[in-house]
Amino acid sequence: MSMTPKQIKRALEDDGLSMAGLARDLNVSRTAVQQVVYNITVSHRIRCHIAKSLNKPVEELWSIKNPGKKGRTLTHGLYDREPAVA
């Protein structure tokens, strides 16, 4: 079951996180993070970062629709890789 935008915002506040701080982490605007939280836009990268910050799976925060046959699974891939070595 997914959470409402107000529940996500409350969970962030309870963990001492802010949308502005998450935006800085991702080098995106605070508006971009807000739009993802409030389901105005969809960004897999932002959703994964929010979920990881809250120690919750993405599908617990948002309903994930099947992307079809194209593309990677929506909850896999961004944080499973080893860090790049320079």
C-alpha atoms as a PDB file:
ATOM      1  CA  MET A   1       0.000   0.000   0.000  1.00  0.00           C
ATOM      2  CA  SER A   2       1.381   3.399  -0.914  1.00  0.00           C
ATOM      3  CA  MET A   3       1.626   6.445   1.309  1.00  0.00           C
ATOM      4  CA  THR A   4      -0.092   9.767   0.717  1.00  0.00           C
ATOM      5  CA  PRO A   5       2.047  12.826  -0.010  1.00  0.00           C
ATOM      6  CA  LYS A   6       1.275  14.157   3.490  1.00  0.00           C
ATOM      7  CA  GLN A   7       2.441  10.872   5.025  1.00  0.00           C
ATOM      8  CA  ILE A   8       5.680  10.979   3.028  1.00  0.00           C
ATOM      9  CA  LYS A   9       6.302  14.582   4.051  1.00  0.00           C
ATOM     10  CA  ARG A  10       5.599  13.692   7.699  1.00  0.00           C
ATOM     11  CA  ALA A  11       7.948  10.687   7.524  1.00  0.00           C
ATOM     12  CA  LEU A  12      10.700  12.937   6.165  1.00  0.00           C
ATOM     13  CA  GLU A  13      10.131  15.462   8.955  1.00  0.00           C
ATOM     14  CA  ASP A  14      10.082  12.708  11.590  1.00  0.00           C
ATOM     15  CA  ASP A  15      13.490  11.525  10.342  1.00  0.00           C
ATOM     16  CA  GLY A  16      14.863  15.077  10.379  1.00  0.00           C
ATOM     17  CA  LEU A  17      14.943  15.321   6.588  1.00  0.00           C
ATOM     18  CA  SER A  18      13.721  18.118   4.366  1.00  0.00           C
ATOM     19  CA  MET A  19      12.795  18.279   0.720  1.00  0.00           C
ATOM     20  CA  ALA A  20      15.376  21.036   0.301  1.00  0.00           C
ATOM     21  CA  GLY A  21      18.088  18.782   1.758  1.00  0.00           C
ATOM     22  CA  LEU A  22      17.115  15.905  -0.513  1.00  0.00           C
ATOM     23  CA  ALA A  23      17.156  18.303  -3.465  1.00  0.00           C
ATOM     24  CA  ARG A  24      20.707  19.371  -2.550  1.00  0.00           C
ATOM     25  CA  ASP A  25      21.775  15.707  -2.315  1.00  0.00           C
ATOM     26  CA  LEU A  26      20.494  15.096  -5.843  1.00  0.00           C
ATOM     27  CA  ASN A  27      21.497  18.459  -7.317  1.00  0.00           C
ATOM     28  CA  VAL A  28      17.898  19.181  -8.354  1.00  0.00           C
ATOM     29  CA  SER A  29      15.480  21.907  -7.363  1.00  0.00           C
ATOM     30  CA  ARG A  30      13.340  21.680  -4.248  1.00  0.00           C
ATOM     31  CA  THR A  31      10.361  22.000  -6.581  1.00  0.00           C
ATOM     32  CA  ALA A  32      11.413  18.835  -8.417  1.00  0.00           C
ATOM     33  CA  VAL A  33      11.410  16.884  -5.136  1.00  0.00           C
ATOM     34  CA  GLN A  34       8.060  18.386  -4.100  1.00  0.00           C
ATOM     35  CA  GLN A  35       6.509  17.469  -7.452  1.00  0.00           C
ATOM     36  CA  VAL A  36       7.614  13.851  -7.027  1.00  0.00           C
ATOM     37  CA  VAL A  37       6.336  13.674  -3.439  1.00  0.00           C
ATOM     38  CA  TYR A  38       2.970  15.130  -4.497  1.00  0.00           C
ATOM     39  CA  ASN A  39       2.739  12.844  -7.590  1.00  0.00           C
ATOM     40  CA  ILE A  40       2.774  15.726 -10.053  1.00  0.00           C
ATOM     41  CA  THR A  41       5.780  14.254 -11.858  1.00  0.00           C
ATOM     42  CA  VAL A  42       7.574  10.916 -11.711  1.00  0.00           C
ATOM     43  CA  SER A  43      11.328  10.643 -11.303  1.00  0.00           C
ATOM     44  CA  HIS A  44      12.719   7.206 -10.572  1.00  0.00           C
ATOM     45  CA  ARG A  45      15.978   8.697  -9.304  1.00  0.00           C
ATOM     46  CA  ILE A  46      14.246  11.068  -6.868  1.00  0.00           C
ATOM     47  CA  ARG A  47      11.809   8.391  -5.691  1.00  0.00           C
ATOM     48  CA  CYS A  48      14.662   5.959  -5.019  1.00  0.00           C
ATOM     49  CA  HIS A  49      16.613   8.577  -3.083  1.00  0.00           C
ATOM     50  CA  ILE A  50      13.612   9.485  -0.924  1.00  0.00           C
ATOM     51  CA  ALA A  51      12.857   5.814  -0.253  1.00  0.00           C
ATOM     52  CA  LYS A  52      16.483   5.063   0.626  1.00  0.00           C
ATOM     53  CA  SER A  53      16.601   8.093   2.925  1.00  0.00           C
ATOM     54  CA  LEU A  54      13.522   6.767   4.742  1.00  0.00           C
ATOM     55  CA  ASN A  55      14.805   3.152   4.730  1.00  0.00           C
ATOM     56  CA  LYS A  56      11.651   2.014   2.950  1.00  0.00           C
ATOM     57  CA  PRO A  57      11.080   0.293  -0.388  1.00  0.00           C
ATOM     58  CA  VAL A  58       9.878   2.552  -3.188  1.00  0.00           C
ATOM     59  CA  GLU A  59       6.659   0.583  -3.572  1.00  0.00           C
ATOM     60  CA  GLU A  60       5.774   1.326   0.061  1.00  0.00           C
ATOM     61  CA  LEU A  61       5.796   5.057  -0.734  1.00  0.00           C
ATOM     62  CA  TRP A  62       4.262   5.071  -4.234  1.00  0.00           C
ATOM     63  CA  SER A  63       2.146   2.735  -6.320  1.00  0.00           C
ATOM     64  CA  ILE A  64       4.432   1.444  -9.040  1.00  0.00           C
ATOM     65  CA  LYS A  65       2.810   0.783 -12.378  1.00  0.00           C
ATOM     66  CA  ASN A  66       4.248  -1.919 -14.616  1.00  0.00           C
ATOM     67  CA  PRO A  67       6.568  -0.172 -17.090  1.00  0.00           C
ATOM     68  CA  GLY A  68       5.871  -2.793 -19.741  1.00  0.00           C
ATOM     69  CA  LYS A  69       8.564  -4.642 -21.604  1.00  0.00           C
ATOM     70  CA  LYS A  70      10.873  -1.657 -22.016  1.00  0.00           C
ATOM     71  CA  GLY A  71      13.276  -0.337 -19.416  1.00  0.00           C
ATOM     72  CA  ARG A  72      14.564  -1.725 -16.153  1.00  0.00           C
ATOM     73  CA  THR A  73      12.432  -2.679 -13.208  1.00  0.00           C
ATOM     74  CA  LEU A  74      11.468   0.528 -11.438  1.00  0.00           C
ATOM     75  CA  THR A  75      12.813  -0.485  -8.030  1.00  0.00           C
ATOM     76  CA  HIS A  76      16.133  -1.946  -9.153  1.00  0.00           C
ATOM     77  CA  GLY A  77      19.411  -0.618 -10.324  1.00  0.00           C
ATOM     78  CA  LEU A  78      20.245   2.771  -8.877  1.00  0.00           C
ATOM     79  CA  TYR A  79      21.770   1.725  -5.573  1.00  0.00           C
ATOM     80  CA  ASP A  80      22.839  -1.826  -6.368  1.00  0.00           C
ATOM     81  CA  ARG A  81      26.069  -0.918  -8.128  1.00  0.00           C
ATOM     82  CA  GLU A  82      29.507  -0.530  -6.633  1.00  0.00           C
ATOM     83  CA  PRO A  83      30.746   3.069  -6.467  1.00  0.00           C
ATOM     84  CA  ALA A  84      32.708   4.241  -9.472  1.00  0.00           C
ATOM     85  CA  VAL A  85      36.458   4.182  -9.083  1.00  0.00           C
ATOM     86  CA  ALA A  86      38.348   7.181 -10.442  1.00  0.00           C
END
